[in-house]
Protein backbone atom coordinates (compact mmCIF):
# COMPACT_ATOMS: atom_id res chain seq x y z
CA MET A 1 158.30 168.15 125.72
CA ASN A 2 157.02 164.66 124.64
CA ILE A 3 154.85 164.91 121.67
CA HIS A 4 152.66 161.99 120.17
CA PHE A 5 151.07 162.32 116.75
CA ILE A 6 147.89 160.24 116.01
CA ALA A 7 147.91 159.99 112.08
CA ILE A 8 151.30 161.21 111.67
CA GLY A 9 151.55 160.30 107.91
CA GLY A 10 149.56 163.21 106.64
CA SER A 11 151.03 165.88 104.73
CA ALA A 12 150.77 168.80 107.32
CA MET A 13 151.09 166.34 110.31
CA HIS A 14 154.36 164.81 109.22
CA ASN A 15 155.92 168.13 108.49
CA LEU A 16 154.75 169.47 111.99
CA ALA A 17 156.31 166.27 113.55
CA ILE A 18 159.65 167.08 111.67
CA SER A 19 159.68 170.58 112.52
CA LEU A 20 159.15 169.74 116.39
CA HIS A 21 161.91 167.24 116.32
CA VAL A 22 164.25 169.73 115.01
CA LYS A 23 163.16 172.11 117.68
CA GLY A 24 164.37 169.74 120.19
CA TYR A 25 161.00 167.91 121.13
CA ASN A 26 160.83 164.35 121.72
CA VAL A 27 158.39 163.02 119.04
CA SER A 28 156.61 159.85 118.37
CA GLY A 29 153.68 158.97 116.10
CA SER A 30 151.42 156.45 114.55
CA ASP A 31 149.20 155.78 111.44
CA ASP A 32 147.52 152.67 109.72
CA GLU A 33 149.51 153.71 106.52
CA ILE A 34 152.29 155.95 105.54
CA PHE A 35 153.36 156.60 102.09
CA ASP A 36 156.23 158.55 100.49
CA PRO A 37 157.23 161.16 100.60
CA ALA A 38 156.12 161.32 104.28
CA ALA A 39 157.53 157.75 104.87
CA GLY A 40 160.93 158.68 103.65
CA ARG A 41 161.15 161.95 105.40
CA LEU A 42 160.07 160.52 108.74
CA LYS A 43 162.75 157.74 108.30
CA LYS A 44 165.33 160.52 107.63
CA TYR A 45 164.72 162.16 110.97
CA GLY A 46 164.51 158.85 112.81
CA ILE A 47 160.83 159.34 113.85
CA PHE A 48 159.07 156.86 111.56
CA PRO A 49 156.83 154.54 113.87
CA ASP A 50 158.24 151.18 114.94
CA SER A 51 155.34 149.62 113.27
CA VAL A 52 152.40 150.66 111.13
CA GLY A 53 149.00 150.71 112.69
CA TRP A 54 147.24 151.79 116.02
CA ASP A 55 148.53 150.71 119.56
CA SER A 56 146.97 152.15 122.67
CA ARG A 57 150.23 151.03 124.37
CA ARG A 58 151.91 154.01 122.74
CA ILE A 59 149.83 156.24 124.90
CA THR A 60 151.44 156.80 128.29
CA SER A 61 151.04 159.27 131.20
CA ASP A 62 154.35 161.04 130.41
CA ILE A 63 153.33 162.38 127.13
CA ASP A 64 152.84 166.20 127.50
CA ALA A 65 150.55 166.56 124.34
CA VAL A 66 148.76 164.48 121.63
CA ILE A 67 148.26 166.08 118.28
CA LEU A 68 145.42 164.49 116.49
CA GLY A 69 145.11 164.33 112.65
CA MET A 70 141.87 164.70 110.58
CA HIS A 71 142.48 160.99 109.27
CA ALA A 72 142.02 159.45 112.62
CA ARG A 73 138.65 158.42 113.57
CA MET A 74 136.62 158.89 116.81
CA ASP A 75 137.11 155.47 118.08
CA ASN A 76 140.81 155.30 117.46
CA PRO A 77 142.29 153.31 120.29
CA GLU A 78 145.16 155.74 120.92
CA LEU A 79 142.74 158.64 121.07
CA LEU A 80 140.38 156.84 123.62
CA LYS A 81 143.59 155.92 125.73
CA ALA A 82 144.74 159.69 125.66
CA LYS A 83 141.33 160.75 126.81
CA GLU A 84 141.22 158.19 129.54
CA LEU A 85 144.54 159.34 130.87
CA GLY A 86 143.51 162.92 130.54
CA LEU A 87 146.12 163.96 128.11
CA LYS A 88 146.21 167.50 126.51
CA ILE A 89 144.92 166.64 122.98
CA TYR A 90 145.25 169.15 120.29
CA SER A 91 144.40 169.28 116.40
CA TYR A 92 147.46 170.42 114.55
CA PRO A 93 145.83 173.98 113.87
CA GLU A 94 145.26 174.08 117.61
CA PHE A 95 148.70 173.45 118.24
CA ILE A 96 150.21 175.84 115.65
CA TYR A 97 148.14 178.48 117.27
CA GLU A 98 149.29 177.82 120.78
CA GLN A 99 153.02 177.92 119.50
CA SER A 100 152.25 181.27 117.88
CA LYS A 101 149.66 183.12 119.73
CA HIS A 102 152.21 185.78 120.88
CA LYS A 103 153.23 186.43 117.17
CA LYS A 104 151.67 188.43 114.42
CA ARG A 105 149.71 185.96 112.63
CA VAL A 106 149.21 186.11 108.84
CA VAL A 107 146.48 183.67 107.54
CA ILE A 108 146.00 183.01 103.84
CA GLY A 109 142.31 181.77 103.05
CA GLY A 110 140.32 181.26 100.00
CA SER A 111 139.03 178.49 97.75
CA HIS A 112 141.81 178.72 95.51
CA GLY A 113 145.46 180.08 95.34
CA LYS A 114 146.31 179.66 99.14
CA THR A 115 149.39 177.56 98.71
CA SER A 116 150.62 179.75 95.75
CA ILE A 117 150.19 182.90 97.73
CA THR A 118 151.67 181.59 101.07
CA ALA A 119 154.70 180.19 98.77
CA MET A 120 155.24 183.72 97.22
CA ILE A 121 155.19 185.42 100.36
CA LEU A 122 157.81 182.86 102.02
CA HIS A 123 160.08 183.20 98.94
CA VAL A 124 160.38 186.99 99.20
CA LEU A 125 160.82 186.85 102.82
CA ASN A 126 163.52 184.17 102.53
CA THR A 127 165.20 186.17 99.64
CA TYR A 128 165.67 189.02 102.08
CA ASN A 129 166.46 186.87 105.18
CA ILE A 130 163.47 187.91 107.04
CA VAL A 131 163.00 185.49 109.80
CA SER A 132 159.69 183.91 109.64
CA ASP A 133 157.73 180.98 111.01
CA TYR A 134 155.19 179.28 108.53
CA MET A 135 152.83 176.42 107.58
CA VAL A 136 152.42 175.93 103.85
CA GLY A 137 150.55 173.00 101.98
CA ALA A 138 153.30 172.15 99.19
CA GLN A 139 156.73 171.31 99.38
CA LEU A 140 158.76 174.49 98.43
CA GLU A 141 162.24 174.90 96.74
CA GLY A 142 164.62 176.02 99.41
CA PHE A 143 162.58 174.91 102.40
CA GLU A 144 163.40 171.62 104.27
CA VAL A 145 160.00 171.40 105.74
CA MET A 146 156.51 172.89 105.13
CA THR A 147 156.15 173.77 108.85
CA LYS A 148 158.44 176.12 110.96
CA LEU A 149 158.04 176.99 114.61
CA SER A 150 160.61 178.82 116.32
CA GLU A 151 161.12 181.26 119.40
CA GLU A 152 162.75 184.05 117.52
CA ALA A 153 160.39 184.78 114.57
CA PRO A 154 158.19 187.99 115.19
CA HIS A 155 155.21 186.51 112.90
CA ILE A 156 154.13 183.40 111.22
CA ILE A 157 152.55 182.82 107.83
CA ILE A 158 149.83 180.31 107.78
CA GLU A 159 147.92 178.61 104.75
CA GLY A 160 144.38 178.58 106.11
CA ASP A 161 142.45 175.67 104.92
CA GLU A 162 138.71 175.78 105.27
CA TYR A 163 138.23 171.92 105.88
CA LEU A 164 137.53 170.75 109.35
CA THR A 165 140.05 170.73 112.01
CA SER A 166 139.95 167.34 113.43
CA PRO A 167 137.27 164.51 114.32
CA LEU A 168 137.08 166.29 117.81
CA ASP A 169 136.70 169.82 116.55
CA ARG A 170 134.44 170.54 113.59
CA ARG A 171 135.38 174.03 113.08
CA PRO A 172 137.20 175.00 109.84
CA LYS A 173 140.99 175.12 110.26
CA PHE A 174 141.37 178.61 109.29
CA HIS A 175 138.91 179.67 112.23
CA VAL A 176 141.37 178.35 114.90
CA TYR A 177 144.42 180.50 113.87
CA MET A 178 142.92 184.01 114.85
CA PRO A 179 144.48 186.16 112.22
CA ASP A 180 146.08 189.65 112.50
CA ILE A 181 146.22 189.91 108.78
CA ALA A 182 143.79 187.90 106.72
CA VAL A 183 143.84 187.19 102.98
CA ILE A 184 140.59 185.95 101.05
CA SER A 185 141.78 185.06 97.57
CA GLY A 186 138.31 184.06 96.09
CA ILE A 187 135.37 181.76 97.10
CA ALA A 188 133.98 178.97 95.06
CA TRP A 189 132.06 176.28 96.62
CA ASP A 190 133.97 173.19 97.73
CA HIS A 191 133.90 170.47 100.35
CA ILE A 192 130.09 169.66 99.90
CA ASN A 193 130.48 166.72 102.32
CA VAL A 194 130.86 169.48 105.14
CA PHE A 195 129.35 172.53 103.64
CA PRO A 196 126.10 171.41 102.06
CA THR A 197 125.09 174.69 100.31
CA PHE A 198 127.09 177.44 98.89
CA GLU A 199 125.63 179.91 101.53
CA ASN A 200 126.95 177.87 104.26
CA TYR A 201 130.39 177.69 102.65
CA VAL A 202 130.30 181.45 101.92
CA GLU A 203 129.35 182.00 105.89
CA GLN A 204 132.73 180.27 106.95
CA PHE A 205 134.80 182.98 105.06
CA GLN A 206 132.57 185.63 106.78
CA ILE A 207 133.20 184.07 110.10
CA PHE A 208 136.98 184.16 109.20
CA ALA A 209 137.00 187.75 108.42
CA ASP A 210 135.16 188.65 111.49
CA LEU A 211 137.87 187.04 113.57
CA LEU A 212 140.02 189.79 112.84
CA PRO A 213 140.62 192.60 115.58
CA GLU A 214 139.53 195.96 114.75
CA SER A 215 143.31 196.91 114.36
CA GLY A 216 143.79 193.96 111.91
CA THR A 217 144.10 193.87 108.12
CA LEU A 218 141.85 192.37 105.42
CA ILE A 219 143.26 191.72 102.02
CA TYR A 220 140.76 190.46 99.43
CA CYS A 221 140.44 189.98 95.80
CA GLU A 222 138.14 192.77 94.43
CA GLU A 223 137.25 190.66 91.47
CA ASP A 224 135.25 188.12 93.37
CA GLU A 225 131.81 189.63 94.43
CA HIS A 226 131.62 187.16 97.53
CA CYS A 227 134.95 188.63 98.94
CA VAL A 228 133.61 192.15 98.25
CA LYS A 229 130.54 191.53 100.21
CA ILE A 230 132.32 189.86 103.17
CA ALA A 231 134.84 193.01 103.27
CA ALA A 232 131.77 195.39 103.15
CA LYS A 233 130.38 193.63 106.23
CA SER A 234 133.61 193.31 108.18
CA LYS A 235 134.32 195.78 111.04
CA VAL A 236 138.01 195.87 110.66
CA LYS A 237 139.32 199.32 109.71
CA ASN A 238 142.16 198.45 107.33
CA LYS A 239 140.83 196.73 104.20
CA ILE A 240 143.14 196.38 101.14
CA PRO A 241 141.34 195.22 98.05
CA TYR A 242 143.63 193.93 95.10
CA THR A 243 143.30 193.00 91.45
CA VAL A 244 145.81 191.86 88.58
CA PRO A 245 148.81 194.10 88.08
CA ASP A 246 149.81 195.60 84.93
CA TYR A 247 151.54 193.02 82.68
CA TYR A 248 152.12 191.93 79.15
CA VAL A 249 153.22 188.47 77.57
CA SER A 250 156.14 188.35 75.12
CA ALA A 251 157.78 185.24 73.83
CA ASN A 252 155.80 183.11 76.18
CA ARG A 253 156.84 184.88 79.04
CA TYR A 254 154.69 187.15 81.49
CA ILE A 255 156.35 190.57 82.22
CA LEU A 256 155.14 192.79 84.93
CA ARG A 257 155.27 196.90 84.62
CA SER A 258 155.34 198.94 87.66
CA GLU A 259 156.64 202.52 87.97
CA ASN A 260 158.54 202.46 84.86
CA LYS A 261 160.17 199.32 85.65
CA GLU A 262 159.61 195.89 84.07
CA TYR A 263 159.88 192.54 85.79
CA PRO A 264 159.88 189.20 83.89
CA LEU A 265 158.36 186.19 85.55
CA GLU A 266 158.74 182.50 85.65
CA ILE A 267 155.10 182.00 86.62
CA PHE A 268 152.13 182.63 84.34
CA GLY A 269 148.30 182.97 84.29
CA ARG A 270 145.99 185.74 85.17
CA HIS A 271 145.03 183.78 88.32
CA ASN A 272 148.91 183.58 89.46
CA LEU A 273 149.05 187.29 89.02
CA LEU A 274 146.06 187.77 91.18
CA ASN A 275 147.98 185.55 93.72
CA LEU A 276 151.08 187.62 93.31
CA ASN A 277 149.17 190.99 94.22
CA ALA A 278 147.75 189.40 97.29
CA ALA A 279 151.16 188.22 98.46
CA GLN A 280 152.60 191.71 97.51
CA ASN A 281 150.09 193.28 99.89
CA VAL A 282 150.90 190.89 102.71
CA CYS A 283 154.63 191.60 102.20
CA ALA A 284 153.99 195.47 102.24
CA CYS A 285 152.32 194.85 105.77
CA LEU A 286 155.70 193.21 106.69
CA GLY A 287 157.82 196.00 105.44
CA VAL A 288 158.81 194.81 102.05
CA SER A 289 158.71 197.43 99.37
CA LYS A 290 156.96 196.73 96.08
CA ASP A 291 160.19 197.16 93.98
CA ASP A 292 161.95 194.47 96.26
CA PHE A 293 158.88 192.15 96.15
CA TYR A 294 158.64 192.19 92.32
CA THR A 295 162.46 191.90 92.16
CA ALA A 296 162.40 188.64 94.31
CA MET A 297 159.40 187.35 92.48
CA GLN A 298 161.45 187.16 89.25
CA SER A 299 163.06 184.07 90.62
CA PHE A 300 159.99 182.40 91.96
CA THR A 301 159.16 179.29 89.94
CA GLY A 302 155.95 178.25 91.80
CA ALA A 303 154.83 175.75 94.58
CA SER A 304 154.96 172.04 94.00
CA LYS A 305 152.41 170.63 91.59
CA ARG A 306 151.05 174.15 90.85
CA LEU A 307 151.37 174.50 87.10
CA GLU A 308 154.62 172.62 87.28
CA LYS A 309 156.64 171.91 84.13
CA VAL A 310 157.12 168.20 83.64
CA TYR A 311 158.56 168.10 80.30
CA GLU A 312 159.53 170.42 77.29
CA ASP A 313 161.11 170.39 73.88
CA GLU A 314 160.89 172.79 70.95
CA GLU A 315 157.43 171.24 69.77
CA LYS A 316 155.48 170.45 73.00
CA VAL A 317 155.24 171.05 76.90
CA LEU A 318 153.52 169.04 79.62
CA TYR A 319 152.36 170.74 82.76
CA LYS A 320 150.59 169.14 85.77
CA ASP A 321 148.58 171.14 88.18
CA PHE A 322 146.71 170.57 91.55
CA ALA A 323 143.65 172.08 89.85
CA HIS A 324 140.41 170.02 90.44
CA SER A 325 137.78 172.48 91.31
CA PRO A 326 135.65 174.20 88.58
CA SER A 327 137.06 177.69 88.97
CA LYS A 328 140.67 176.14 89.01
CA LEU A 329 140.22 174.38 85.90
CA LYS A 330 139.07 177.27 83.94
CA ALA A 331 141.84 179.48 85.28
CA THR A 332 144.44 177.03 84.74
CA ILE A 333 143.39 176.25 81.06
CA LEU A 334 143.07 179.94 80.28
CA ALA A 335 146.75 180.48 81.59
CA MET A 336 148.05 177.92 79.30
CA LYS A 337 146.24 179.31 76.12
CA GLU A 338 147.54 183.02 76.99
CA LYS A 339 150.98 181.74 77.56
CA TYR A 340 151.15 179.44 74.44
CA PRO A 341 148.70 181.17 71.98
CA ASN A 342 149.86 179.42 68.88
CA ARG A 343 149.55 175.92 70.33
CA ASN A 344 146.80 173.51 70.63
CA LEU A 345 146.00 172.44 74.10
CA VAL A 346 145.02 168.99 75.25
CA ALA A 347 143.65 169.37 78.75
CA CYS A 348 142.76 166.45 81.14
CA VAL A 349 141.20 166.60 84.55
CA GLU A 350 140.85 163.65 87.05
CA LEU A 351 137.77 163.92 89.15
CA HIS A 352 139.21 162.83 92.63
CA THR A 353 137.91 164.75 95.43
CA PHE A 354 134.56 163.92 97.27
CA SER A 355 132.88 167.02 95.83
CA SER A 356 133.96 166.38 92.10
CA LEU A 357 132.61 162.84 92.44
CA THR A 358 129.38 163.69 93.58
CA ALA A 359 126.43 163.88 91.20
CA GLU A 360 124.77 167.07 92.60
CA PHE A 361 128.34 168.95 92.44
CA LEU A 362 129.10 167.88 88.88
CA LYS A 363 126.81 170.71 87.26
CA GLN A 364 129.29 173.13 88.66
CA TYR A 365 131.66 171.98 85.93
CA ALA A 366 129.48 173.28 83.08
CA HIS A 367 131.72 174.73 80.27
CA THR A 368 134.77 174.98 82.59
CA MET A 369 136.78 173.02 79.81
CA ASP A 370 135.43 174.93 76.76
CA ASP A 371 138.58 176.77 76.07
CA ALA A 372 140.80 173.73 75.53
CA ASP A 373 141.15 172.39 71.96
CA GLU A 374 140.73 168.80 73.32
CA ALA A 375 139.12 168.15 76.72
CA MET A 376 139.21 164.88 78.56
CA VAL A 377 137.93 163.88 82.17
CA TYR A 378 139.12 160.71 83.96
CA PHE A 379 137.48 159.13 87.11
CA ASN A 380 138.14 155.92 88.96
CA PRO A 381 134.82 154.01 89.91
CA HIS A 382 137.00 152.28 92.70
CA ALA A 383 137.75 155.80 94.07
CA ILE A 384 134.00 156.46 94.19
CA ALA A 385 133.39 153.35 95.93
CA LEU A 386 135.89 154.13 98.74
CA LYS A 387 134.27 157.29 99.39
CA LYS A 388 131.19 155.46 99.77
CA LEU A 389 129.40 157.66 96.98
CA PRO A 390 126.62 156.66 94.59
CA PRO A 391 128.10 155.65 91.24
CA ILE A 392 128.40 158.32 88.56
CA THR A 393 128.38 157.46 84.79
CA LYS A 394 130.16 158.72 81.51
CA GLU A 395 126.71 160.31 80.49
CA MET A 396 126.48 162.18 83.70
CA ILE A 397 129.85 163.77 83.24
CA LEU A 398 129.32 164.66 79.55
CA ASN A 399 125.88 166.24 80.52
CA ALA A 400 127.49 168.22 83.37
CA PHE A 401 130.41 169.55 81.44
CA ALA A 402 128.17 170.64 78.66
CA ASN A 403 131.17 170.32 76.17
CA ASP A 404 130.57 168.61 72.97
CA LYS A 405 134.51 167.88 72.50
CA LEU A 406 134.75 166.13 75.72
CA LYS A 407 136.06 162.61 75.92
CA VAL A 408 135.42 160.63 79.42
CA TYR A 409 137.46 157.79 80.57
CA ASN A 410 137.17 155.63 83.51
CA ASP A 411 140.15 153.31 82.85
CA SER A 412 143.55 155.17 83.15
CA SER A 413 145.29 152.67 80.79
CA GLU A 414 142.73 153.63 77.96
CA LEU A 415 143.34 157.34 78.74
CA LYS A 416 147.14 156.92 78.39
CA GLN A 417 146.91 154.82 75.22
CA TYR A 418 144.82 157.61 73.79
CA LEU A 419 147.19 160.39 74.83
CA THR A 420 150.27 158.21 73.45
CA SER A 421 148.54 157.81 70.10
CA LEU A 422 148.21 161.46 69.54
CA SER A 423 150.51 163.52 67.32
CA TRP A 424 152.30 166.24 69.66
CA LYS A 425 153.68 168.60 67.09
CA ASN A 426 152.67 171.95 68.21
CA LYS A 427 150.66 170.93 70.93
CA ASN A 428 150.55 171.14 74.58
CA LEU A 429 149.27 168.76 77.45
CA LEU A 430 147.82 170.03 80.82
CA MET A 431 147.07 167.38 83.31
CA MET A 432 145.00 168.59 86.33
CA SER A 433 144.26 166.43 89.56
CA SER A 434 144.63 166.50 93.22
CA GLY A 435 145.50 162.81 92.68
CA ASN A 436 148.02 161.11 90.35
CA PHE A 437 145.77 159.52 87.53
CA ASP A 438 146.50 156.17 89.09
CA ASN A 439 150.11 156.81 89.36
CA MET A 440 150.45 157.28 85.51
CA GLN A 441 154.02 158.23 84.61
CA LEU A 442 153.02 161.41 82.61
CA GLU A 443 156.59 161.97 80.94
CA THR A 444 156.11 158.53 79.05
CA ILE A 445 153.31 159.97 77.26
CA PHE A 446 155.75 161.96 75.17
CA LYS A 447 158.42 159.23 74.94
CA LYS A 448 156.58 156.72 72.67
């Protein structure tokens, strides 16, 4: 098949392009900008576009399918040409469903924890050489690409994002996959540019649960009241609630207890133990025993950028985390405090997403950083302008977070200067963002 990707530089898009290339398809693509790691990986496989930008001449009648990324606009010249020629146009969720509609589809949904749960499942299946297709939103250790589509795998594990599918298809992505097994990890309002009210946002998860066939399985977090309500309304017969497994912390290490056995873990945090139990229930549905699951999880170190250790010595440690929403901030800070109870914690978050940079949404962050010994917020006014949002001020952020200890910065060099000036003896640093703090080299903070 000849497949063309419009907006090939996206995280999921370039991984799907590579997986189809590996599968033997003829793959081409385009984008108006492509950054690393996507650029380097596309070049490695020989499918980097011959020039950056859109060109309708790339679209010819011998293309079997066009895969459209969310980054493309409705007036994209390649999209218009594909429509003119009557070519088959898929969003990448539609194409993944098309390739997996004869398999058992496991879809991991929720406002938080999706990537970690998916990564845990794949780590365990990989440990026991259980053949599986997948689509996950982060680079995983031991996996060359984030997407795999094969002929032989009997099932596929899909991270089910609730954001919109494509410019042509305004459904949330996880509605497209039609799950046989569905996970809902928790619900906390996000993507307010698409879901203007919390009720509208919650409704998407009810629709997701209702897509299950009667013979399907719904796995949900029983500690989340919204998940419980959705499960109660669902007509699926097999409902599996989960909570935190039995554990204790010793010498900065989390240790699971199950059936008179102990399993020391590399991951930490109560929220990660919730993710672990969600993954365990999925793996049980796929034939993996609880003991085998916990044994395999002892070597799991986490998905990329999810509580990822950047630097450590005998006096201090630096972690970065993808956390950016209010619930993620609170959970990640609590995890650091529980793991290192005898050290002070300096926590810093970058407001980077559309929701977090919207004045109306900021109030959701009230008291989310109260458990940190020092708390900082960084935002870039240029990022707000690029998103065409009204300006926000330091005062608005201070009021929204409702934290007397909070420091607010809108210049990354000033933030770095302050962090570098601190004494780091017996003190840890947590940097949280879906961005990169304007390419701040975090390790240099500890290397004065």
